[in-house]
Amino acid sequence: MSTKRSLDTICIQGGWEPKNGEPRQLPIYQSTTFKYTTSEQMGRLFDLEENGYFYTRLANPTSDAVAAKICELEGGVGAMLTSSGQAANFYAVLNICQAGDHIVASSAIYGGSTNLFTVTFPKMGVECTLVSPDSTEEELNAAFKSNTKVLFAESIANPALTVLDFEKFAKVAHEHGVPLIVDNTFATPINCRPFEWGADIVTHSTTKYMDGHASCVGGCIVDSGNFDWEAHHDRFTGLTEPDESYHGIVYTERFGKMAYIMKATAQLMRDLGSIPSPQNSFLLNLGLETLHLRMPRHCESALKIAAYLQSREDVEWVRYPGLPGDKYYQVAQKYMPGGTCGVISFGLKGGREAAAEFMDKLKLCSIETHVADSRTAVLHPASHTHRQLTNEQLVEAGVDPSMIRFSVGLESADDIIEDIRQALED
């Protein structure tokens, strides 16, 4: 079989390849521990000299199979599941940062990530500078410092729906000798593969489209294997010099292109333990099996609904990167020609008050602190997910205080439009 398979096939068969007589469906290895016959063999596992399983906090066969599927979908060399998307972003950055370091991040990202980078990380001694996703190269360069370790952005920002200019961000990151980390949750690898445009590490909240059914929270980190840590030896000493907490291992020497993921597993997951349960990994795998079928439907319906909203006089503005004329339409066509996502942002002429009234009148669509699943969900970010931000911070993050985030599900687009109509008119 060819080593390069289509995304459709990977969604179905990636990660788990049963041998003769083994279960066709990925089994749930619902166990904390794994048995061995000799102490010596267990010791080799703890020394990372042999592959295997000894404690689910560090690795589990069910979770590893699902991570391998996501890794293949993204075109990476290694991946690790986490208990949430927030944990994935936290680990992805912390894996190469420590007190005294600095990160640069797009201002148009999920509110929880903004808070992680600008409030929580500074308490740990890691400072953050936010930059507009529309920054020029000169403006991006100006944000970097001698102790900068990471440039972070989202492929499609939640909920601002800005589309990242991958090549520009990757160029600047690499000129400064740091990796570009991209959260690819909204686009998914079905619509965008950041590694092909210069990103080095990808994260996901698998809670969203990958799961697709609002059944379990989860996250994933995928490493491209392309960033040369040794070329910047003195900047990334956690990877390039001995880890005294793990037998003096030098991750780049022992694991080569797998160094980043191995350190995240052996060190961060060991110490912090944000693991998914095997049951949740199993459910995630079921969602992934239909990801290639669901994403086109989400995008098709979202485009139809965005066009409808744009036609209404009581709608002040509509933002959807798949809609011709949208600010990010052209950049979306470059990086995501097959579609973007199923999320629309819009504002009503009556502002915040009109948004609340509209949402309360919806019957088919639900008010939920969720996005990107099979059921249509609606949210007012300024009152909900981003309520910890000031109006000034909301604007900086690309979130108009009147913004309604509308996540188009898999119901009939005509039924969704009718629900919108009655909520606006009745």
Protein backbone atom coordinates (compact mmCIF):
# COMPACT_ATOMS: atom_id res chain seq x y z
CA MET A 1 0.00 0.00 0.00
CA SER A 2 1.20 3.51 -0.79
CA THR A 3 2.45 5.42 2.24
CA LYS A 4 0.54 8.51 1.07
CA ARG A 5 -3.22 8.08 1.48
CA SER A 6 -6.12 10.44 0.87
CA LEU A 7 -7.58 12.29 3.84
CA ASP A 8 -10.86 10.40 3.36
CA THR A 9 -9.09 7.08 3.82
CA ILE A 10 -7.04 8.30 6.78
CA CYS A 11 -10.23 9.44 8.56
CA ILE A 12 -11.56 5.89 8.30
CA GLN A 13 -8.48 3.70 8.63
CA GLY A 14 -5.69 5.84 10.07
CA GLY A 15 -4.06 5.04 13.41
CA TRP A 16 -5.36 1.51 13.97
CA GLU A 17 -4.30 -1.33 11.68
CA PRO A 18 -5.40 -4.61 13.24
CA LYS A 19 -3.36 -7.74 12.72
CA ASN A 20 -4.86 -11.10 11.88
CA GLY A 21 -7.55 -11.97 14.41
CA GLU A 22 -7.50 -8.59 16.17
CA PRO A 23 -10.57 -6.35 16.60
CA ARG A 24 -11.53 -4.40 13.45
CA GLN A 25 -12.71 -1.47 15.57
CA LEU A 26 -10.19 0.32 17.75
CA PRO A 27 -10.44 -1.27 21.25
CA ILE A 28 -10.84 0.76 24.41
CA TYR A 29 -7.84 -0.02 26.60
CA GLN A 30 -9.61 1.00 29.80
CA SER A 31 -6.71 0.32 32.13
CA THR A 32 -4.39 2.49 34.18
CA THR A 33 -1.54 -0.02 34.11
CA PHE A 34 0.06 -2.70 31.95
CA LYS A 35 1.66 -5.97 33.07
CA TYR A 36 5.23 -7.14 32.36
CA THR A 37 7.08 -10.32 33.27
CA THR A 38 10.47 -8.87 34.20
CA SER A 39 11.66 -5.86 36.16
CA GLU A 40 14.35 -5.26 33.53
CA GLN A 41 11.81 -4.76 30.78
CA MET A 42 9.84 -2.30 32.87
CA GLY A 43 13.08 -0.43 33.56
CA ARG A 44 13.79 -0.09 29.83
CA LEU A 45 10.36 1.45 29.35
CA PHE A 46 11.04 4.02 32.08
CA ASP A 47 14.41 4.80 30.49
CA LEU A 48 12.67 5.41 27.13
CA GLU A 49 14.91 2.77 25.61
CA GLU A 50 11.98 0.65 24.48
CA ASN A 51 8.48 1.42 23.20
CA GLY A 52 5.56 0.17 25.21
CA TYR A 53 2.96 1.03 27.83
CA PHE A 54 3.28 1.06 31.57
CA TYR A 55 0.96 3.80 32.86
CA THR A 56 -1.92 5.52 31.06
CA ARG A 57 -0.92 8.99 32.25
CA LEU A 58 2.10 8.74 29.97
CA ALA A 59 0.65 6.69 27.12
CA ASN A 60 -2.34 4.50 26.29
CA PRO A 61 -2.87 2.34 23.18
CA THR A 62 -6.34 3.76 22.42
CA SER A 63 -5.20 7.36 22.73
CA ASP A 64 -2.01 6.72 20.80
CA ALA A 65 -3.93 5.22 17.88
CA VAL A 66 -6.16 8.30 17.67
CA ALA A 67 -3.17 10.63 17.98
CA ALA A 68 -1.53 8.72 15.12
CA LYS A 69 -4.63 9.25 12.96
CA ILE A 70 -4.64 13.01 13.60
CA CYS A 71 -0.89 13.08 13.01
CA GLU A 72 -1.34 11.45 9.60
CA LEU A 73 -4.20 13.80 8.72
CA GLU A 74 -1.97 16.80 9.44
CA GLY A 75 1.13 15.28 7.84
CA GLY A 76 3.23 15.36 11.01
CA VAL A 77 5.80 13.03 12.56
CA GLY A 78 4.34 12.72 16.06
CA ALA A 79 1.26 13.69 18.06
CA MET A 80 -0.08 13.61 21.60
CA LEU A 81 -3.67 13.79 22.85
CA THR A 82 -4.56 15.99 25.81
CA SER A 83 -7.64 16.32 27.98
CA SER A 84 -8.75 19.59 26.31
CA GLY A 85 -7.82 22.08 23.65
CA GLN A 86 -6.70 24.47 26.37
CA ALA A 87 -4.31 21.82 27.70
CA ALA A 88 -2.97 21.31 24.17
CA ASN A 89 -2.15 24.99 23.74
CA PHE A 90 -0.71 25.20 27.25
CA TYR A 91 1.57 22.20 26.72
CA ALA A 92 2.54 23.23 23.19
CA VAL A 93 3.97 26.51 24.45
CA LEU A 94 5.23 25.37 27.86
CA ASN A 95 7.17 22.54 26.20
CA ILE A 96 9.67 25.12 24.89
CA CYS A 97 9.21 28.02 27.33
CA GLN A 98 10.17 28.71 30.91
CA ALA A 99 10.32 31.66 33.31
CA GLY A 100 12.12 34.57 31.70
CA ASP A 101 10.90 33.78 28.18
CA HIS A 102 8.60 35.68 25.85
CA ILE A 103 5.99 34.68 23.29
CA VAL A 104 4.27 36.55 20.47
CA ALA A 105 0.63 35.68 19.74
CA SER A 106 -2.07 36.84 17.39
CA SER A 107 -4.62 39.00 19.17
CA ALA A 108 -7.43 37.33 17.21
CA ILE A 109 -7.62 34.01 19.02
CA TYR A 110 -10.03 32.23 21.36
CA GLY A 111 -10.65 34.25 24.53
CA GLY A 112 -9.46 31.44 26.80
CA SER A 113 -6.16 31.33 24.91
CA THR A 114 -5.80 35.09 25.20
CA ASN A 115 -6.28 34.80 28.95
CA LEU A 116 -3.80 31.89 29.12
CA PHE A 117 -1.11 33.89 27.34
CA THR A 118 -1.68 37.31 28.91
CA VAL A 119 -2.72 36.43 32.48
CA THR A 120 -1.67 32.90 33.44
CA PHE A 121 1.65 32.63 31.62
CA PRO A 122 2.94 35.94 33.05
CA LYS A 123 2.30 34.52 36.53
CA MET A 124 4.73 31.76 35.52
CA GLY A 125 7.29 34.27 34.30
CA VAL A 126 6.50 34.00 30.56
CA GLU A 127 5.52 37.33 29.01
CA CYS A 128 3.35 37.75 25.91
CA THR A 129 3.00 40.40 23.22
CA LEU A 130 -0.20 40.39 21.17
CA VAL A 131 -0.10 41.38 17.51
CA SER A 132 -2.83 41.90 14.95
CA PRO A 133 -3.21 38.99 12.52
CA ASP A 134 -3.20 41.67 9.82
CA SER A 135 0.21 43.01 10.91
CA THR A 136 2.81 43.76 8.28
CA GLU A 137 6.11 41.92 8.42
CA GLU A 138 7.65 45.04 9.95
CA GLU A 139 5.02 45.16 12.68
CA LEU A 140 5.47 41.46 13.43
CA ASN A 141 9.25 41.85 13.58
CA ALA A 142 8.88 44.71 16.06
CA ALA A 143 7.07 42.42 18.53
CA PHE A 144 10.00 40.01 18.85
CA LYS A 145 12.59 40.17 21.61
CA SER A 146 15.86 38.37 22.22
CA ASN A 147 14.05 35.96 24.57
CA THR A 148 11.08 35.22 22.28
CA LYS A 149 10.49 31.48 21.91
CA VAL A 150 7.19 31.09 20.02
CA LEU A 151 4.87 32.75 17.50
CA PHE A 152 1.28 31.56 18.00
CA ALA A 153 -1.87 32.04 15.90
CA GLU A 154 -5.10 30.36 14.79
CA SER A 155 -5.75 29.26 11.22
CA ILE A 156 -9.29 30.65 11.48
CA ALA A 157 -9.73 32.72 14.60
CA ASN A 158 -12.49 31.89 17.08
CA PRO A 159 -14.77 33.87 16.89
CA ALA A 160 -13.27 36.75 14.84
CA LEU A 161 -12.99 34.49 11.75
CA THR A 162 -9.78 36.14 10.59
CA VAL A 163 -7.80 33.83 8.31
CA LEU A 164 -4.08 33.56 8.99
CA ASP A 165 -1.54 34.49 6.34
CA PHE A 166 0.55 31.41 7.08
CA GLU A 167 3.47 32.23 4.81
CA LYS A 168 3.94 35.71 6.29
CA PHE A 169 3.80 34.47 9.89
CA ALA A 170 6.05 31.48 9.17
CA LYS A 171 8.61 33.68 7.40
CA VAL A 172 8.87 36.08 10.33
CA ALA A 173 8.97 33.29 12.94
CA HIS A 174 11.76 31.47 11.15
CA GLU A 175 13.76 34.65 10.58
CA HIS A 176 13.78 35.00 14.38
CA GLY A 177 14.65 31.33 14.91
CA VAL A 178 11.39 30.31 16.59
CA PRO A 179 8.61 27.88 15.63
CA LEU A 180 5.18 28.91 14.41
CA ILE A 181 2.43 27.16 16.40
CA VAL A 182 -1.00 27.20 14.76
CA ASP A 183 -4.30 26.20 16.35
CA ASN A 184 -6.11 24.53 13.43
CA THR A 185 -9.35 23.73 15.27
CA PHE A 186 -11.83 25.55 13.03
CA ALA A 187 -10.39 24.60 9.63
CA THR A 188 -9.37 21.04 10.55
CA PRO A 189 -6.88 19.20 8.31
CA ILE A 190 -9.75 18.53 5.89
CA ASN A 191 -9.78 22.21 4.87
CA CYS A 192 -6.27 23.34 5.79
CA ARG A 193 -2.91 21.67 6.46
CA PRO A 194 -0.71 24.33 8.13
CA PHE A 195 2.53 22.33 7.77
CA GLU A 196 2.29 22.76 4.00
CA TRP A 197 2.45 26.54 4.51
CA GLY A 198 5.34 26.71 6.98
CA ALA A 199 3.78 26.06 10.41
CA ASP A 200 5.92 23.89 12.70
CA ILE A 201 3.47 22.68 15.35
CA VAL A 202 -0.32 22.37 15.15
CA THR A 203 -2.81 22.19 18.01
CA HIS A 204 -6.48 21.25 18.07
CA SER A 205 -9.42 21.42 20.36
CA THR A 206 -10.72 18.03 19.30
CA THR A 207 -13.87 18.94 21.24
CA LYS A 208 -15.05 20.78 18.12
CA TYR A 209 -15.33 19.41 14.56
CA MET A 210 -13.08 16.41 15.14
CA ASP A 211 -15.44 15.01 17.77
CA GLY A 212 -18.36 16.64 15.99
CA HIS A 213 -21.09 15.52 18.38
CA ALA A 214 -20.41 17.42 21.62
CA SER A 215 -19.66 14.15 23.36
CA CYS A 216 -16.23 14.72 24.87
CA VAL A 217 -13.67 17.44 25.55
CA GLY A 218 -10.18 16.88 24.20
CA GLY A 219 -7.10 18.31 22.52
CA CYS A 220 -4.15 17.33 20.38
CA ILE A 221 -0.62 18.55 19.62
CA VAL A 222 1.00 17.57 16.31
CA ASP A 223 4.66 18.18 15.46
CA SER A 224 5.77 18.55 11.85
CA GLY A 225 9.32 17.48 12.70
CA ASN A 226 10.55 20.33 10.49
CA PHE A 227 11.86 22.81 13.05
CA ASP A 228 15.60 22.40 13.63
CA TRP A 229 15.95 22.75 17.39
CA GLU A 230 19.70 22.09 17.30
CA ALA A 231 20.22 24.97 14.87
CA HIS A 232 19.06 27.16 17.77
CA HIS A 233 20.70 25.08 20.49
CA ASP A 234 21.10 27.82 23.08
CA ARG A 235 17.52 29.03 22.72
CA PHE A 236 15.85 25.65 23.25
CA THR A 237 18.03 24.03 25.90
CA GLY A 238 15.10 22.03 27.26
CA LEU A 239 15.34 19.97 24.10
CA THR A 240 19.03 20.25 23.25
CA GLU A 241 20.67 19.75 26.66
CA PRO A 242 20.32 16.98 29.27
CA ASP A 243 17.01 16.66 31.11
CA GLU A 244 18.18 15.88 34.63
CA SER A 245 14.64 14.91 35.61
CA TYR A 246 14.76 12.07 33.09
CA HIS A 247 18.14 10.36 33.38
CA GLY A 248 19.97 13.16 31.60
CA ILE A 249 18.31 12.44 28.24
CA VAL A 250 19.01 14.94 25.45
CA TYR A 251 15.78 14.76 23.46
CA THR A 252 17.21 15.97 20.15
CA GLU A 253 20.03 13.42 20.33
CA ARG A 254 17.89 10.47 21.39
CA PHE A 255 14.74 11.10 19.35
CA GLY A 256 15.66 13.35 16.41
CA LYS A 257 12.53 14.66 14.70
CA MET A 258 10.40 13.21 17.51
CA ALA A 259 12.22 15.23 20.18
CA TYR A 260 9.46 17.79 20.78
CA ILE A 261 6.63 15.26 21.23
CA MET A 262 8.75 12.92 23.33
CA LYS A 263 9.63 15.75 25.71
CA ALA A 264 5.98 16.79 25.94
CA THR A 265 5.03 13.24 26.87
CA ALA A 266 7.94 12.23 29.11
CA GLN A 267 8.16 15.54 30.97
CA LEU A 268 4.97 17.61 30.78
CA MET A 269 2.41 14.81 30.74
CA ARG A 270 4.36 13.01 33.45
CA ASP A 271 4.30 16.10 35.68
CA LEU A 272 0.96 17.72 34.82
CA GLY A 273 -1.16 14.78 33.66
CA SER A 274 -3.80 16.38 31.41
CA ILE A 275 -4.66 13.11 29.70
CA PRO A 276 -7.87 12.09 27.92
CA SER A 277 -9.63 8.98 29.14
CA PRO A 278 -9.38 5.98 26.79
CA GLN A 279 -13.19 6.10 26.50
CA ASN A 280 -13.06 9.70 25.27
CA SER A 281 -10.31 8.84 22.79
CA PHE A 282 -12.52 6.05 21.44
CA LEU A 283 -15.44 8.46 20.98
CA LEU A 284 -13.15 10.97 19.30
CA ASN A 285 -12.09 8.30 16.84
CA LEU A 286 -15.72 7.68 15.90
CA GLY A 287 -16.08 11.39 15.18
CA LEU A 288 -12.94 11.44 13.06
CA GLU A 289 -14.33 8.66 10.87
CA THR A 290 -16.89 11.11 9.42
CA LEU A 291 -14.88 14.35 9.55
CA HIS A 292 -14.26 14.31 5.78
CA LEU A 293 -18.01 13.97 5.17
CA ARG A 294 -19.19 16.52 7.71
CA MET A 295 -16.87 19.44 6.96
CA PRO A 296 -18.11 20.03 3.37
CA ARG A 297 -21.72 20.03 4.62
CA HIS A 298 -20.93 22.50 7.41
CA CYS A 299 -19.25 24.82 4.90
CA GLU A 300 -21.97 24.50 2.26
CA SER A 301 -24.73 25.33 4.73
CA ALA A 302 -22.76 28.15 6.38
CA LEU A 303 -22.21 29.85 3.02
CA LYS A 304 -25.93 29.67 2.22
CA ILE A 305 -26.89 31.06 5.64
CA ALA A 306 -24.23 33.79 5.51
CA ALA A 307 -25.62 34.94 2.15
CA TYR A 308 -29.12 35.01 3.65
CA LEU A 309 -27.99 37.08 6.62
CA GLN A 310 -26.19 39.47 4.28
CA SER A 311 -29.44 40.03 2.37
CA ARG A 312 -31.38 41.19 5.43
CA GLU A 313 -31.74 44.88 6.26
CA ASP A 314 -31.85 44.24 10.01
CA VAL A 315 -28.38 42.65 9.93
CA GLU A 316 -25.64 45.25 10.32
CA TRP A 317 -22.73 43.11 9.17
CA VAL A 318 -21.75 39.51 8.35
CA ARG A 319 -18.34 37.91 8.58
CA TYR A 320 -17.69 34.57 6.90
CA PRO A 321 -14.39 33.94 5.10
CA GLY A 322 -16.06 31.71 2.51
CA LEU A 323 -18.37 34.55 1.42
CA PRO A 324 -17.23 36.50 -1.67
CA GLY A 325 -16.43 40.05 -0.61
CA ASP A 326 -15.44 39.09 2.93
CA LYS A 327 -12.23 40.75 4.11
CA TYR A 328 -10.50 37.36 4.32
CA TYR A 329 -12.06 35.75 1.24
CA GLN A 330 -8.94 35.97 -0.92
CA VAL A 331 -6.53 34.68 1.73
CA ALA A 332 -9.02 31.89 2.50
CA GLN A 333 -9.08 30.95 -1.19
CA LYS A 334 -5.30 30.67 -1.10
CA TYR A 335 -4.96 28.52 2.02
CA MET A 336 -8.38 26.83 2.20
CA PRO A 337 -9.78 26.63 -1.34
CA GLY A 338 -12.02 23.70 -0.46
CA GLY A 339 -13.83 25.52 2.36
CA THR A 340 -13.22 27.21 5.69
CA CYS A 341 -15.54 26.24 8.55
CA GLY A 342 -19.19 26.27 9.58
CA VAL A 343 -19.03 29.28 11.89
CA ILE A 344 -20.47 32.68 10.98
CA SER A 345 -20.17 35.94 12.91
CA PHE A 346 -22.70 38.73 12.47
CA GLY A 347 -24.16 41.75 14.21
CA LEU A 348 -27.69 43.15 14.29
CA LYS A 349 -28.50 46.81 13.91
CA GLY A 350 -29.91 46.88 17.42
CA GLY A 351 -26.55 45.91 18.97
CA ARG A 352 -26.24 43.92 22.20
CA GLU A 353 -29.91 44.24 23.15
CA ALA A 354 -31.08 43.02 19.74
CA ALA A 355 -28.61 40.12 19.90
CA ALA A 356 -30.03 38.91 23.22
CA GLU A 357 -33.61 39.23 21.98
CA PHE A 358 -32.81 37.36 18.76
CA MET A 359 -31.09 34.51 20.57
CA ASP A 360 -33.95 34.10 23.05
CA LYS A 361 -36.45 33.70 20.18
CA LEU A 362 -34.57 30.91 18.41
CA LYS A 363 -36.33 27.54 18.52
CA LEU A 364 -34.23 25.12 16.44
CA CYS A 365 -30.85 26.68 17.20
CA SER A 366 -29.58 26.48 20.78
CA ILE A 367 -27.77 28.97 23.00
CA GLU A 368 -24.68 27.00 23.96
CA THR A 369 -21.13 27.54 25.16
CA HIS A 370 -20.02 25.36 22.30
CA VAL A 371 -19.25 25.50 18.64
CA ALA A 372 -18.57 23.22 15.67
CA ASP A 373 -20.76 20.21 16.26
CA SER A 374 -23.66 18.57 14.45
CA ARG A 375 -26.28 20.80 16.11
CA THR A 376 -26.52 24.52 15.37
CA ALA A 377 -25.35 26.60 18.32
CA VAL A 378 -25.41 30.35 18.93
CA LEU A 379 -23.46 32.48 21.39
CA HIS A 380 -22.83 36.13 22.24
CA PRO A 381 -19.06 36.15 22.87
CA ALA A 382 -18.96 39.49 24.70
CA SER A 383 -21.43 38.12 27.25
CA HIS A 384 -20.16 34.55 27.33
CA THR A 385 -16.78 33.18 26.15
CA HIS A 386 -15.02 36.57 26.11
CA ARG A 387 -16.81 38.22 29.03
CA GLN A 388 -13.52 38.52 30.96
CA LEU A 389 -12.25 40.99 28.33
CA THR A 390 -12.85 44.74 28.31
CA ASN A 391 -14.50 46.42 25.31
CA GLU A 392 -11.05 47.57 24.22
CA GLN A 393 -9.67 44.04 24.48
CA LEU A 394 -12.70 42.69 22.61
CA VAL A 395 -12.01 45.02 19.69
CA GLU A 396 -8.31 44.09 19.75
CA ALA A 397 -9.29 40.42 19.56
CA GLY A 398 -11.52 41.14 16.57
CA VAL A 399 -14.69 40.66 18.60
CA ASP A 400 -17.29 43.38 18.09
CA PRO A 401 -19.32 43.75 21.31
CA SER A 402 -22.46 43.15 19.23
CA MET A 403 -21.08 39.99 17.61
CA ILE A 404 -23.23 36.88 17.45
CA ARG A 405 -21.27 33.67 16.87
CA PHE A 406 -23.41 31.30 14.86
CA SER A 407 -22.15 27.73 14.49
CA VAL A 408 -24.01 26.06 11.63
CA GLY A 409 -24.80 22.42 12.29
CA LEU A 410 -25.82 19.56 10.03
CA GLU A 411 -29.56 20.23 10.05
CA SER A 412 -31.29 21.39 6.88
CA ALA A 413 -29.93 24.81 5.92
CA ASP A 414 -33.47 25.84 4.96
CA ASP A 415 -34.75 24.94 8.43
CA ILE A 416 -31.97 26.96 10.04
CA ILE A 417 -32.75 29.95 7.84
CA GLU A 418 -36.43 29.72 8.75
CA ASP A 419 -35.51 29.71 12.46
CA ILE A 420 -33.38 32.82 11.93
CA ARG A 421 -36.22 34.51 10.02
CA GLN A 422 -38.84 33.89 12.69
CA ALA A 423 -36.48 35.01 15.47
CA LEU A 424 -35.82 38.29 13.66
CA GLU A 425 -39.40 38.96 12.53
CA ASP A 426 -41.81 37.46 15.05
